[in-house]
Protein backbone atom coordinates (compact mmCIF):
# COMPACT_ATOMS: atom_id res chain seq x y z
CA MET A 1 21.45 40.25 15.39
CA THR A 2 17.53 40.54 15.95
CA ILE A 3 15.39 38.03 13.60
CA SER A 4 12.27 39.68 12.12
CA ALA A 5 8.25 37.33 12.94
CA ALA A 6 7.51 38.02 9.94
CA LEU A 7 11.28 36.24 8.72
CA VAL A 8 10.50 33.08 11.20
CA LYS A 9 6.62 33.30 9.85
CA GLU A 10 8.51 32.64 5.81
CA LEU A 11 10.70 29.97 7.34
CA ARG A 12 8.00 28.58 9.50
CA LYS A 13 6.02 28.50 5.44
CA ARG A 14 8.42 27.48 3.65
CA THR A 15 9.90 24.39 5.65
CA GLY A 16 6.64 23.35 8.10
CA ALA A 17 8.80 22.82 11.18
CA GLY A 18 8.45 24.59 14.46
CA MET A 19 8.95 28.34 15.49
CA MET A 20 12.22 27.92 17.77
CA GLU A 21 13.71 25.57 15.09
CA CYS A 22 12.91 28.47 12.58
CA LYS A 23 14.56 31.38 14.95
CA LYS A 24 17.53 29.32 15.71
CA ALA A 25 18.04 28.24 12.44
CA LEU A 26 17.64 32.39 10.88
CA THR A 27 20.15 33.38 14.16
CA GLU A 28 22.87 30.68 13.23
CA SER A 29 22.28 31.80 9.45
CA ARG A 30 22.55 35.54 10.45
CA GLY A 31 19.19 36.37 9.12
CA ASP A 32 20.29 34.45 5.45
CA LEU A 33 16.52 32.48 4.65
CA ASP A 34 18.41 30.88 1.28
CA LEU A 35 20.90 29.30 4.10
CA ALA A 36 18.98 28.67 6.97
CA ILE A 37 16.34 26.53 4.52
CA GLU A 38 19.48 24.56 3.28
CA SER A 39 20.23 23.59 6.53
CA MET A 40 17.58 22.87 8.20
CA ARG A 41 17.32 20.44 5.27
CA LYS A 42 20.88 19.04 5.43
CA ALA A 43 19.57 18.28 9.58
CA GLY A 44 16.61 17.60 9.64
CA LEU A 45 17.80 14.70 5.79
CA ALA A 46 20.18 13.44 9.14
CA LYS A 47 17.29 12.57 11.63
CA ALA A 48 15.31 10.79 8.50
CA ASP A 49 17.76 8.42 8.61
CA ASN A 50 17.51 8.17 12.65
CA LYS A 51 13.88 7.67 11.96
CA ALA A 52 14.19 5.00 9.90
CA GLY A 53 13.61 1.70 12.12
CA ARG A 54 11.28 2.64 13.91
CA ILE A 55 7.60 0.58 12.22
CA ALA A 56 5.73 1.95 10.15
CA ALA A 57 2.07 0.23 9.99
CA GLU A 58 0.13 2.80 8.69
CA GLY A 59 -0.09 4.66 5.59
CA ARG A 60 -1.91 5.02 2.02
CA ILE A 61 -3.09 3.47 -1.24
CA ALA A 62 -2.37 5.75 -4.04
CA LEU A 63 -3.34 3.89 -7.24
CA GLN A 64 -3.98 5.58 -10.77
CA VAL A 65 -5.01 4.21 -14.39
CA ALA A 66 -4.10 5.59 -17.79
CA GLY A 67 -4.90 3.75 -20.33
CA ASP A 68 -3.26 0.96 -20.50
CA VAL A 69 -0.97 1.17 -17.94
CA ALA A 70 -1.88 1.05 -14.51
CA ALA A 71 0.01 1.41 -11.20
CA MET A 72 -0.50 1.26 -6.99
CA VAL A 73 1.72 2.05 -4.54
CA GLU A 74 1.99 1.47 -0.82
CA VAL A 75 3.69 3.54 1.48
CA ASN A 76 3.39 4.16 5.21
CA CYS A 77 4.07 6.22 8.55
CA GLU A 78 3.98 5.32 11.92
CA THR A 79 -0.01 7.20 12.09
CA ASP A 80 -3.49 7.66 10.55
CA PHE A 81 -3.05 11.15 11.34
CA VAL A 82 -0.37 11.63 9.51
CA ALA A 83 -1.49 9.29 6.87
CA ASN A 84 -4.79 11.62 6.30
CA GLY A 85 -2.76 14.74 6.11
CA GLU A 86 -2.41 16.36 3.17
CA ASP A 87 1.15 16.72 2.75
CA PHE A 88 1.24 13.09 3.12
CA ALA A 89 -1.78 12.36 0.60
CA ASP A 90 0.50 14.41 -2.11
CA PHE A 91 3.85 12.60 -2.19
CA SER A 92 1.49 9.70 -2.47
CA ALA A 93 0.46 10.72 -5.29
CA SER A 94 3.17 11.46 -6.60
CA ALA A 95 4.48 8.49 -5.85
CA VAL A 96 2.51 6.13 -8.07
CA ARG A 97 2.60 9.31 -10.97
CA ALA A 98 6.19 7.89 -10.77
CA VAL A 99 5.80 4.59 -10.56
CA LEU A 100 2.88 5.56 -13.77
CA ALA A 101 4.86 6.98 -16.11
CA ASN A 102 8.30 4.53 -15.51
CA MET A 103 9.18 0.83 -15.10
CA PRO A 104 11.10 0.55 -11.56
CA VAL A 105 11.74 -2.90 -11.27
CA ASP A 106 12.06 -2.53 -6.53
CA ALA A 107 11.85 -0.42 -4.61
CA GLN A 108 15.88 0.80 -4.42
CA ALA A 109 14.98 2.02 -8.32
CA LEU A 110 11.78 3.69 -7.64
CA GLY A 111 13.07 5.78 -4.95
CA ASP A 112 15.68 7.23 -7.83
CA LEU A 113 12.93 8.40 -9.96
CA PRO A 114 12.61 11.76 -9.91
CA LEU A 115 9.20 13.80 -9.93
CA ALA A 116 8.02 17.30 -11.01
CA GLY A 117 10.34 19.19 -8.53
CA GLY A 118 12.95 17.74 -9.71
CA LYS A 119 13.89 16.18 -6.80
CA THR A 120 13.75 11.66 -6.00
CA VAL A 121 10.95 10.51 -4.70
CA ASP A 122 13.55 9.21 -2.16
CA ARG A 123 14.38 12.82 -1.16
CA VAL A 124 11.37 14.37 -1.21
CA ARG A 125 10.49 11.13 1.38
CA ARG A 126 13.29 11.43 3.58
CA GLU A 127 12.62 15.41 3.82
CA LEU A 128 9.32 14.91 4.29
CA VAL A 129 10.37 12.67 7.46
CA ALA A 130 12.00 15.35 8.50
CA LYS A 131 9.38 17.74 8.41
CA LEU A 132 6.70 15.43 10.18
CA GLY A 133 8.63 14.05 12.24
CA GLU A 134 7.57 9.75 11.83
CA ASN A 135 9.09 7.29 9.33
CA ILE A 136 7.77 6.96 6.19
CA ASN A 137 8.73 4.37 3.32
CA VAL A 138 7.99 3.81 0.14
CA ARG A 139 6.77 -0.30 0.99
CA ARG A 140 5.76 -1.79 -2.49
CA PHE A 141 4.71 -1.37 -5.85
CA ALA A 142 2.72 -3.32 -8.52
CA ARG A 143 2.08 -1.57 -12.02
CA PHE A 144 0.13 -3.65 -14.49
CA LYS A 145 0.97 -2.80 -18.71
CA THR A 146 -1.37 -4.37 -20.74
CA SER A 147 -1.38 -4.47 -24.98
CA ASP A 148 -4.83 -5.69 -25.89
CA GLY A 149 -6.26 -6.11 -22.47
CA LEU A 150 -8.54 -4.45 -20.34
CA LEU A 151 -7.50 -2.76 -16.68
CA GLY A 152 -9.82 -2.30 -13.47
CA ALA A 153 -9.13 -0.97 -10.68
CA TYR A 154 -10.70 -0.33 -7.39
CA ALA A 155 -10.13 1.77 -3.91
CA HIS A 156 -11.83 1.02 -0.64
CA GLY A 157 -10.55 4.03 0.49
CA ALA A 158 -6.66 4.43 1.13
CA ARG A 159 -6.30 1.07 3.76
CA ILE A 160 -7.22 -1.68 0.69
CA GLY A 161 -6.43 -1.00 -3.76
CA VAL A 162 -6.52 -2.92 -6.50
CA LEU A 163 -5.48 -4.04 -9.82
CA VAL A 164 -6.37 -6.73 -12.45
CA GLU A 165 -5.83 -7.28 -15.84
CA MET A 166 -8.33 -8.67 -17.77
CA GLN A 167 -9.09 -9.63 -21.62
CA GLY A 168 -12.48 -9.31 -22.66
CA GLY A 169 -15.61 -7.81 -20.40
CA THR A 170 -16.15 -4.40 -20.47
CA PRO A 171 -14.72 -1.28 -17.36
CA ALA A 172 -17.18 -1.87 -15.34
CA LEU A 173 -17.11 -5.74 -15.19
CA ALA A 174 -13.22 -4.96 -14.63
CA LYS A 175 -14.24 -2.98 -12.03
CA ASP A 176 -16.82 -5.09 -10.48
CA ILE A 177 -14.07 -7.81 -10.44
CA ALA A 178 -11.73 -5.67 -8.22
CA MET A 179 -14.17 -5.01 -5.48
CA GLN A 180 -14.71 -8.31 -5.42
CA VAL A 181 -11.15 -9.05 -4.47
CA ALA A 182 -11.49 -6.30 -2.86
CA ALA A 183 -13.72 -7.38 -0.56
CA CYS A 184 -12.77 -11.29 -0.27
CA ASN A 185 -9.22 -11.41 -0.63
CA PRO A 186 -8.71 -14.71 -2.90
CA LEU A 187 -5.16 -15.76 -2.71
CA CYS A 188 -4.57 -15.91 -6.94
CA VAL A 189 -7.20 -16.11 -9.85
CA LYS A 190 -7.72 -20.82 -10.75
CA PRO A 191 -6.96 -23.03 -8.24
CA ALA A 192 -3.93 -24.57 -10.10
CA GLN A 193 -2.12 -21.19 -8.77
CA VAL A 194 -2.85 -22.62 -5.95
CA SER A 195 1.34 -23.48 -4.59
CA ALA A 196 1.81 -26.62 -3.78
CA GLU A 197 3.06 -26.07 0.12
CA VAL A 198 -0.24 -24.11 0.47
CA LEU A 199 -1.99 -27.90 -0.39
CA ASP A 200 0.00 -29.89 1.34
CA LYS A 201 -0.70 -28.02 4.42
CA GLU A 202 -4.31 -27.38 4.44
CA CYS A 203 -4.62 -31.70 3.38
CA GLU A 204 -2.60 -32.33 6.75
CA ILE A 205 -5.23 -30.31 8.45
CA PHE A 206 -8.31 -31.62 7.04
CA ARG A 207 -6.63 -35.43 7.18
CA ALA A 208 -6.04 -34.63 11.16
CA GLN A 209 -9.43 -32.94 11.92
CA SER A 210 -11.26 -36.27 9.48
CA ALA A 211 -9.62 -39.02 11.53
CA GLU A 212 -11.34 -38.14 14.78
CA SER A 213 -14.55 -39.24 13.30
CA GLY A 214 -13.57 -42.82 12.72
CA LYS A 215 -14.33 -43.59 9.72
CA PRO A 216 -12.65 -46.30 7.46
CA ASP A 217 -9.42 -44.68 5.29
CA ALA A 218 -11.75 -44.15 1.97
CA ILE A 219 -14.60 -42.55 3.66
CA ILE A 220 -11.63 -39.79 4.99
CA ALA A 221 -10.02 -39.51 2.05
CA LYS A 222 -13.29 -38.08 0.73
CA MET A 223 -14.05 -36.37 3.48
CA VAL A 224 -10.60 -34.36 2.86
CA GLU A 225 -10.77 -34.67 -1.25
CA GLY A 226 -14.41 -32.21 -0.07
CA ARG A 227 -12.53 -29.82 1.63
CA LEU A 228 -10.65 -28.96 -0.20
CA LYS A 229 -12.58 -28.60 -2.95
CA LYS A 230 -14.40 -26.47 -0.31
CA PHE A 231 -11.03 -24.52 0.44
CA LEU A 232 -10.01 -23.58 -3.08
CA ALA A 233 -13.34 -22.57 -4.10
CA GLU A 234 -12.73 -20.00 -1.45
CA VAL A 235 -9.51 -18.68 -1.52
CA THR A 236 -9.49 -18.94 -5.29
CA LEU A 237 -10.95 -16.03 -7.01
CA LEU A 238 -12.89 -17.97 -10.02
CA GLY A 239 -14.52 -20.04 -7.64
CA GLN A 240 -15.87 -17.46 -5.22
CA PRO A 241 -19.59 -16.67 -4.92
CA PHE A 242 -19.80 -12.48 -6.40
CA VAL A 243 -20.10 -10.17 -4.10
CA LYS A 244 -23.67 -8.26 -5.58
CA ASP A 245 -24.95 -12.00 -5.45
CA ALA A 246 -23.80 -14.47 -4.06
CA ASP A 247 -25.89 -16.91 -6.50
CA VAL A 248 -23.11 -16.91 -8.87
CA THR A 249 -19.52 -17.54 -8.72
CA VAL A 250 -17.39 -15.11 -9.92
CA GLU A 251 -16.29 -17.84 -13.06
CA GLN A 252 -19.60 -17.98 -13.98
CA LEU A 253 -19.92 -14.35 -14.20
CA LEU A 254 -16.98 -13.81 -16.57
CA ALA A 255 -18.48 -16.67 -18.83
CA ARG A 256 -21.39 -14.73 -19.22
CA SER A 257 -19.14 -11.96 -21.25
CA ALA A 258 -16.30 -14.25 -22.24
CA ALA A 259 -13.74 -12.46 -19.72
CA GLN A 260 -11.04 -13.63 -17.85
CA VAL A 261 -8.73 -12.35 -15.69
CA LEU A 262 -5.35 -12.58 -16.26
CA ARG A 263 -3.85 -11.16 -12.96
CA PHE A 264 -4.47 -8.59 -10.28
CA ALA A 265 -2.84 -7.49 -7.18
CA ARG A 266 -4.73 -6.65 -3.29
CA PHE A 267 -2.59 -4.16 -1.39
CA GLU A 268 -3.34 -3.30 1.83
CA VAL A 269 -2.87 -0.40 4.47
CA GLY A 270 0.20 -2.34 6.86
CA GLU A 271 -0.23 -5.99 6.10
CA GLY A 272 2.01 -8.04 7.11
CA ILE A 273 3.68 -6.05 8.92
CA GLU A 274 4.12 -6.54 12.47
CA LYS A 275 2.68 -3.95 14.84
CA LYS A 276 4.23 -2.36 18.32
CA GLN A 277 0.78 -2.79 21.09
CA GLU A 278 0.06 0.73 21.97
CA ASP A 279 -2.84 2.46 23.77
CA PHE A 280 -4.45 5.73 22.49
CA ALA A 281 -3.14 7.83 25.39
CA THR A 282 0.62 6.23 25.31
CA GLU A 283 0.70 7.39 21.46
CA VAL A 284 -0.71 10.92 22.30
CA MET A 285 2.24 11.18 24.55
CA ALA A 286 4.42 9.60 22.07
CA GLN A 287 3.32 12.23 19.44
CA ALA A 288 3.96 15.74 22.23
CA ARG A 289 7.58 14.58 22.87
CA ARG A 290 8.27 14.33 18.88
CA ALA A 291 6.79 17.53 18.61
């Protein structure tokens, strides 16, 4: 039978698939648009499962604050081209709204949450994989709920996101602290929260460095102590110089407002993911082959 161009155009509009794929699906369904869509979705979801092993180190951070609740998610894909697309941005925004409205215990539970259209987060994700041709993952999320505190958030584009919970202070101060975390990437709020493993490793390095000076053990011990103190100031939020005024530490800034930071979460796109090294030409060719 003859498949009209208008029917192919409508199927492309509703699925985002290529012209030849749409024409083939319509031919197999004998012009039944709904049947063609169902068939393409089934095939697409199968393709999505096949893409699950591909490295997805690009993406975006989405965050949202609503009263006493704040949420943030990292959604990954394979290229920044897809990450900057409208479909991917809409899905990321939907995922963070789902986290904001619910309290998933892990990424799998998040995938089971329903979105506005009734489909689950994971179902929409898999359909997006089929449509865009890249592996897409909702990698991680954070959700803060406060009873009598203050929530702050800061997004550096869509690459870095931060949530902060404070007691005391103002919304402007909470945003400044979130910006500080985004810019300086502290390990934790205060020195007591630095793990023993990290401290032991740094002390070992400092001792080895100081031993090369040939000074007496008592002097070396003081050198290690001094370097450790400097290290803790660099990696803890309270010890860092404030990004807007380097003459003031964050601890001093908070003291002015009788405020304290209870916790923070910082996500950066692709953080900790081992990326495959490809040159630009290879990446373009890879995208062309998948198109």
